[in-house]
């Protein structure tokens, strides 16, 4: 099977926007598929994310060699679909040539923040949550806004992140099947 017979779908959103949930859901809808989760990798990249954002946030500053190795391995396995839970869509020069279809889940920032707090602080203290919110207001929100300015417009499909998970997955699945 050649590279062109495997469709690579990149799912992006802000943190808490639903990319991992949707990528997992798509795996059950798309036959002979495998999902790669960006957060499963210990990727070398900028140590200070805010400084990286302030300096133009070049996605190529991240060494995606381990992720690229796994994508190539999945091509060798003759998968029909590779689903990437991946924040950069087409923006990283070393992965853009692998991606056939980029999706951005457009989740309002307040909902994404609430989801992230719920996910990351289930057993955290109120003080931990307050510190995280203070960081978001002072610095972190810039990263979210940057994704809306860069990743979102560089995606093939933008899906409303307030829709139920099954609807988002159905919309993406329909688009993917129509392309294929």
C-alpha atoms as a PDB file:
ATOM      1  CA  UNK A   1       0.000   0.000   0.000  1.00  0.00           C
ATOM      2  CA  UNK A   2       1.374   3.380  -0.932  1.00  0.00           C
ATOM      3  CA  UNK A   3       1.327   6.507   1.175  1.00  0.00           C
ATOM      4  CA  UNK A   4      -1.596   7.942  -0.788  1.00  0.00           C
ATOM      5  CA  UNK A   5      -3.897   5.116   0.299  1.00  0.00           C
ATOM      6  CA  UNK A   6      -3.724   6.186   3.955  1.00  0.00           C
ATOM      7  CA  UNK A   7      -5.622   9.354   4.814  1.00  0.00           C
ATOM      8  CA  UNK A   8      -4.131  11.427   7.623  1.00  0.00           C
ATOM      9  CA  UNK A   9      -6.613  13.586   9.510  1.00  0.00           C
ATOM     10  CA  UNK A  10      -5.279  16.214  11.925  1.00  0.00           C
ATOM     11  CA  UNK A  11      -7.603  17.359  14.716  1.00  0.00           C
ATOM     12  CA  UNK A  12      -6.723  20.680  16.367  1.00  0.00           C
ATOM     13  CA  UNK A  13      -8.299  22.961  18.949  1.00  0.00           C
ATOM     14  CA  UNK A  14      -7.260  25.063  21.883  1.00  0.00           C
ATOM     15  CA  UNK A  15      -6.490  23.212  25.118  1.00  0.00           C
ATOM     16  CA  UNK A  16      -9.796  21.884  26.426  1.00  0.00           C
ATOM     17  CA  UNK A  17     -11.374  22.303  23.003  1.00  0.00           C
ATOM     18  CA  UNK A  18     -12.110  18.629  22.479  1.00  0.00           C
ATOM     19  CA  UNK A  19      -9.382  17.349  20.166  1.00  0.00           C
ATOM     20  CA  UNK A  20      -8.537  14.249  22.222  1.00  0.00           C
ATOM     21  CA  UNK A  21     -12.190  13.355  22.772  1.00  0.00           C
ATOM     22  CA  UNK A  22     -13.025  13.773  19.086  1.00  0.00           C
ATOM     23  CA  UNK A  23      -9.895  11.949  17.888  1.00  0.00           C
ATOM     24  CA  UNK A  24     -10.831   9.000  20.115  1.00  0.00           C
ATOM     25  CA  UNK A  25     -14.417   9.057  18.851  1.00  0.00           C
ATOM     26  CA  UNK A  26     -13.291   9.115  15.212  1.00  0.00           C
ATOM     27  CA  UNK A  27     -11.188   6.009  15.770  1.00  0.00           C
ATOM     28  CA  UNK A  28     -14.418   4.115  16.391  1.00  0.00           C
ATOM     29  CA  UNK A  29     -16.090   5.556  13.279  1.00  0.00           C
ATOM     30  CA  UNK A  30     -13.322   5.215  10.700  1.00  0.00           C
ATOM     31  CA  UNK A  31     -12.365   1.638   9.776  1.00  0.00           C
ATOM     32  CA  UNK A  32      -8.788   0.416  10.027  1.00  0.00           C
ATOM     33  CA  UNK A  33      -7.706   3.595  11.778  1.00  0.00           C
ATOM     34  CA  UNK A  34      -5.153   4.426  14.417  1.00  0.00           C
ATOM     35  CA  UNK A  35      -4.918   7.539  16.559  1.00  0.00           C
ATOM     36  CA  UNK A  36      -1.748   9.389  17.528  1.00  0.00           C
ATOM     37  CA  UNK A  37      -2.037  11.738  20.488  1.00  0.00           C
ATOM     38  CA  UNK A  38       0.400  14.663  20.592  1.00  0.00           C
ATOM     39  CA  UNK A  39       0.350  14.708  24.405  1.00  0.00           C
ATOM     40  CA  UNK A  40       1.634  11.102  24.521  1.00  0.00           C
ATOM     41  CA  UNK A  41       5.024  12.300  23.290  1.00  0.00           C
ATOM     42  CA  UNK A  42       7.875  13.888  25.185  1.00  0.00           C
ATOM     43  CA  UNK A  43       8.688  16.341  22.413  1.00  0.00           C
ATOM     44  CA  UNK A  44      11.594  18.757  22.576  1.00  0.00           C
ATOM     45  CA  UNK A  45      10.373  22.284  22.190  1.00  0.00           C
ATOM     46  CA  UNK A  46      10.411  25.722  23.719  1.00  0.00           C
ATOM     47  CA  UNK A  47      10.767  25.708  27.495  1.00  0.00           C
ATOM     48  CA  UNK A  48       8.903  28.985  27.961  1.00  0.00           C
ATOM     49  CA  UNK A  49       5.646  28.795  26.002  1.00  0.00           C
ATOM     50  CA  UNK A  50       4.708  32.429  26.599  1.00  0.00           C
ATOM     51  CA  UNK A  51       8.095  33.625  25.325  1.00  0.00           C
ATOM     52  CA  UNK A  52       7.660  31.308  22.330  1.00  0.00           C
ATOM     53  CA  UNK A  53       4.246  32.874  21.599  1.00  0.00           C
ATOM     54  CA  UNK A  54       5.645  36.388  22.006  1.00  0.00           C
ATOM     55  CA  UNK A  55       8.455  35.515  19.567  1.00  0.00           C
ATOM     56  CA  UNK A  56       6.059  34.454  16.815  1.00  0.00           C
ATOM     57  CA  UNK A  57       5.317  30.864  17.892  1.00  0.00           C
ATOM     58  CA  UNK A  58       6.981  29.073  15.008  1.00  0.00           C
ATOM     59  CA  UNK A  59       5.713  25.449  15.091  1.00  0.00           C
ATOM     60  CA  UNK A  60       9.031  24.347  13.585  1.00  0.00           C
ATOM     61  CA  UNK A  61      10.632  25.099  16.965  1.00  0.00           C
ATOM     62  CA  UNK A  62       9.220  21.734  18.089  1.00  0.00           C
ATOM     63  CA  UNK A  63      11.179  18.573  17.214  1.00  0.00           C
ATOM     64  CA  UNK A  64       8.473  16.195  16.045  1.00  0.00           C
ATOM     65  CA  UNK A  65      10.848  13.363  15.106  1.00  0.00           C
ATOM     66  CA  UNK A  66       9.218  10.778  17.437  1.00  0.00           C
ATOM     67  CA  UNK A  67       5.735  11.587  16.138  1.00  0.00           C
ATOM     68  CA  UNK A  68       6.901  11.519  12.507  1.00  0.00           C
ATOM     69  CA  UNK A  69       8.564   8.156  13.101  1.00  0.00           C
ATOM     70  CA  UNK A  70       5.241   6.757  14.342  1.00  0.00           C
ATOM     71  CA  UNK A  71       3.304   8.223  11.409  1.00  0.00           C
ATOM     72  CA  UNK A  72       5.711   6.515   9.008  1.00  0.00           C
ATOM     73  CA  UNK A  73       5.330   3.258  10.938  1.00  0.00           C
ATOM     74  CA  UNK A  74       1.554   3.445  10.565  1.00  0.00           C
ATOM     75  CA  UNK A  75       1.943   3.982   6.810  1.00  0.00           C
ATOM     76  CA  UNK A  76       3.878   0.712   6.748  1.00  0.00           C
ATOM     77  CA  UNK A  77       0.947  -0.983   8.536  1.00  0.00           C
ATOM     78  CA  UNK A  78      -1.389  -0.082   5.662  1.00  0.00           C
ATOM     79  CA  UNK A  79      -3.946   1.798   7.730  1.00  0.00           C
ATOM     80  CA  UNK A  80      -6.893   3.405   5.979  1.00  0.00           C
ATOM     81  CA  UNK A  81      -6.830   6.375   8.358  1.00  0.00           C
ATOM     82  CA  UNK A  82      -4.385   7.954  10.758  1.00  0.00           C
ATOM     83  CA  UNK A  83      -6.014  10.391  13.151  1.00  0.00           C
ATOM     84  CA  UNK A  84      -3.675  12.955  14.679  1.00  0.00           C
ATOM     85  CA  UNK A  85      -4.605  14.755  17.888  1.00  0.00           C
ATOM     86  CA  UNK A  86      -2.273  17.555  16.876  1.00  0.00           C
ATOM     87  CA  UNK A  87      -2.176  21.301  17.618  1.00  0.00           C
ATOM     88  CA  UNK A  88      -0.499  22.591  14.462  1.00  0.00           C
ATOM     89  CA  UNK A  89      -2.687  21.491  11.514  1.00  0.00           C
ATOM     90  CA  UNK A  90      -0.528  22.199   8.423  1.00  0.00           C
ATOM     91  CA  UNK A  91       1.738  24.725  10.151  1.00  0.00           C
ATOM     92  CA  UNK A  92       4.736  22.491  11.006  1.00  0.00           C
ATOM     93  CA  UNK A  93       6.890  22.083   7.907  1.00  0.00           C
ATOM     94  CA  UNK A  94       7.986  18.534   8.815  1.00  0.00           C
ATOM     95  CA  UNK A  95       4.442  17.176   9.156  1.00  0.00           C
ATOM     96  CA  UNK A  96       2.395  19.231   6.697  1.00  0.00           C
ATOM     97  CA  UNK A  97       3.180  16.929   3.769  1.00  0.00           C
ATOM     98  CA  UNK A  98       1.718  13.951   5.682  1.00  0.00           C
ATOM     99  CA  UNK A  99      -1.625  15.589   6.481  1.00  0.00           C
ATOM    100  CA  UNK A 100      -4.490  15.175   4.031  1.00  0.00           C
ATOM    101  CA  UNK A 101      -7.258  16.876   5.992  1.00  0.00           C
ATOM    102  CA  UNK A 102      -7.003  19.308   8.902  1.00  0.00           C
ATOM    103  CA  UNK A 103      -9.924  19.964  11.238  1.00  0.00           C
ATOM    104  CA  UNK A 104     -10.193  22.738  13.802  1.00  0.00           C
ATOM    105  CA  UNK A 105     -12.691  22.306  16.612  1.00  0.00           C
ATOM    106  CA  UNK A 106     -13.791  25.865  17.315  1.00  0.00           C
ATOM    107  CA  UNK A 107     -14.659  25.839  20.997  1.00  0.00           C
ATOM    108  CA  UNK A 108     -15.379  29.143  22.747  1.00  0.00           C
ATOM    109  CA  UNK A 109     -12.508  30.015  25.066  1.00  0.00           C
ATOM    110  CA  UNK A 110     -14.667  30.083  28.191  1.00  0.00           C
ATOM    111  CA  UNK A 111     -15.940  26.557  27.534  1.00  0.00           C
ATOM    112  CA  UNK A 112     -12.436  25.304  26.720  1.00  0.00           C
ATOM    113  CA  UNK A 113     -11.083  26.843  29.927  1.00  0.00           C
ATOM    114  CA  UNK A 114     -13.869  25.292  32.004  1.00  0.00           C
ATOM    115  CA  UNK A 115     -13.242  21.868  30.415  1.00  0.00           C
ATOM    116  CA  UNK A 116      -9.507  22.142  31.009  1.00  0.00           C
ATOM    117  CA  UNK A 117      -9.969  23.065  34.668  1.00  0.00           C
ATOM    118  CA  UNK A 118     -12.419  20.212  35.106  1.00  0.00           C
ATOM    119  CA  UNK A 119      -9.964  17.808  33.441  1.00  0.00           C
ATOM    120  CA  UNK A 120      -6.737  18.995  35.056  1.00  0.00           C
ATOM    121  CA  UNK A 121      -7.878  19.871  38.566  1.00  0.00           C
ATOM    122  CA  UNK A 122     -10.317  17.132  39.564  1.00  0.00           C
ATOM    123  CA  UNK A 123      -8.371  16.540  42.761  1.00  0.00           C
ATOM    124  CA  UNK A 124      -6.599  19.905  42.886  1.00  0.00           C
ATOM    125  CA  UNK A 125      -7.080  22.518  45.526  1.00  0.00           C
ATOM    126  CA  UNK A 126      -9.011  25.740  45.070  1.00  0.00           C
ATOM    127  CA  UNK A 127      -5.674  27.559  45.358  1.00  0.00           C
ATOM    128  CA  UNK A 128      -4.263  25.538  42.428  1.00  0.00           C
ATOM    129  CA  UNK A 129      -7.279  26.469  40.320  1.00  0.00           C
ATOM    130  CA  UNK A 130      -6.971  30.152  41.241  1.00  0.00           C
ATOM    131  CA  UNK A 131      -3.263  30.154  40.352  1.00  0.00           C
ATOM    132  CA  UNK A 132      -4.026  28.543  37.002  1.00  0.00           C
ATOM    133  CA  UNK A 133      -6.756  31.086  36.278  1.00  0.00           C
ATOM    134  CA  UNK A 134      -4.425  33.937  37.221  1.00  0.00           C
ATOM    135  CA  UNK A 135      -1.834  32.556  34.780  1.00  0.00           C
ATOM    136  CA  UNK A 136      -4.462  32.211  32.061  1.00  0.00           C
ATOM    137  CA  UNK A 137      -5.574  35.831  32.468  1.00  0.00           C
ATOM    138  CA  UNK A 138      -2.028  37.232  32.732  1.00  0.00           C
ATOM    139  CA  UNK A 139      -0.339  35.201  30.005  1.00  0.00           C
ATOM    140  CA  UNK A 140      -1.887  31.945  28.863  1.00  0.00           C
ATOM    141  CA  UNK A 141      -4.881  33.342  27.004  1.00  0.00           C
ATOM    142  CA  UNK A 142      -2.484  34.684  24.370  1.00  0.00           C
ATOM    143  CA  UNK A 143      -1.711  31.104  23.359  1.00  0.00           C
ATOM    144  CA  UNK A 144      -5.377  30.341  22.859  1.00  0.00           C
ATOM    145  CA  UNK A 145      -5.884  33.505  20.812  1.00  0.00           C
ATOM    146  CA  UNK A 146      -2.825  32.675  18.731  1.00  0.00           C
ATOM    147  CA  UNK A 147      -4.341  29.332  17.741  1.00  0.00           C
ATOM    148  CA  UNK A 148      -7.484  31.123  16.617  1.00  0.00           C
ATOM    149  CA  UNK A 149      -5.317  33.399  14.450  1.00  0.00           C
ATOM    150  CA  UNK A 150      -2.990  30.735  13.019  1.00  0.00           C
ATOM    151  CA  UNK A 151      -4.221  27.146  13.233  1.00  0.00           C
ATOM    152  CA  UNK A 152      -7.924  27.793  12.684  1.00  0.00           C
ATOM    153  CA  UNK A 153      -7.557  29.582   9.308  1.00  0.00           C
ATOM    154  CA  UNK A 154      -5.079  26.923   8.149  1.00  0.00           C
ATOM    155  CA  UNK A 155      -7.602  24.112   8.566  1.00  0.00           C
ATOM    156  CA  UNK A 156      -9.797  22.509   5.915  1.00  0.00           C
ATOM    157  CA  UNK A 157     -12.838  22.176   8.152  1.00  0.00           C
ATOM    158  CA  UNK A 158     -13.926  24.217  11.160  1.00  0.00           C
ATOM    159  CA  UNK A 159     -16.464  22.530  13.434  1.00  0.00           C
ATOM    160  CA  UNK A 160     -18.472  24.133  16.229  1.00  0.00           C
ATOM    161  CA  UNK A 161     -16.969  22.862  19.487  1.00  0.00           C
ATOM    162  CA  UNK A 162     -20.205  23.463  21.403  1.00  0.00           C
ATOM    163  CA  UNK A 163     -21.937  20.649  19.526  1.00  0.00           C
ATOM    164  CA  UNK A 164     -22.254  17.258  21.214  1.00  0.00           C
ATOM    165  CA  UNK A 165     -19.293  14.943  20.657  1.00  0.00           C
ATOM    166  CA  UNK A 166     -21.237  12.559  18.431  1.00  0.00           C
ATOM    167  CA  UNK A 167     -22.330  15.429  16.155  1.00  0.00           C
ATOM    168  CA  UNK A 168     -18.793  16.767  15.783  1.00  0.00           C
ATOM    169  CA  UNK A 169     -17.535  13.261  14.987  1.00  0.00           C
ATOM    170  CA  UNK A 170     -20.378  12.693  12.501  1.00  0.00           C
ATOM    171  CA  UNK A 171     -19.634  15.974  10.688  1.00  0.00           C
ATOM    172  CA  UNK A 172     -15.947  15.099  10.388  1.00  0.00           C
ATOM    173  CA  UNK A 173     -16.682  11.513   9.337  1.00  0.00           C
ATOM    174  CA  UNK A 174     -19.042  12.687   6.569  1.00  0.00           C
ATOM    175  CA  UNK A 175     -16.416  15.111   5.253  1.00  0.00           C
ATOM    176  CA  UNK A 176     -13.676  12.478   5.352  1.00  0.00           C
ATOM    177  CA  UNK A 177     -15.819   9.884   3.560  1.00  0.00           C
ATOM    178  CA  UNK A 178     -16.772  12.442   0.885  1.00  0.00           C
ATOM    179  CA  UNK A 179     -13.095  13.207   0.269  1.00  0.00           C
ATOM    180  CA  UNK A 180     -12.025   9.562   0.218  1.00  0.00           C
END
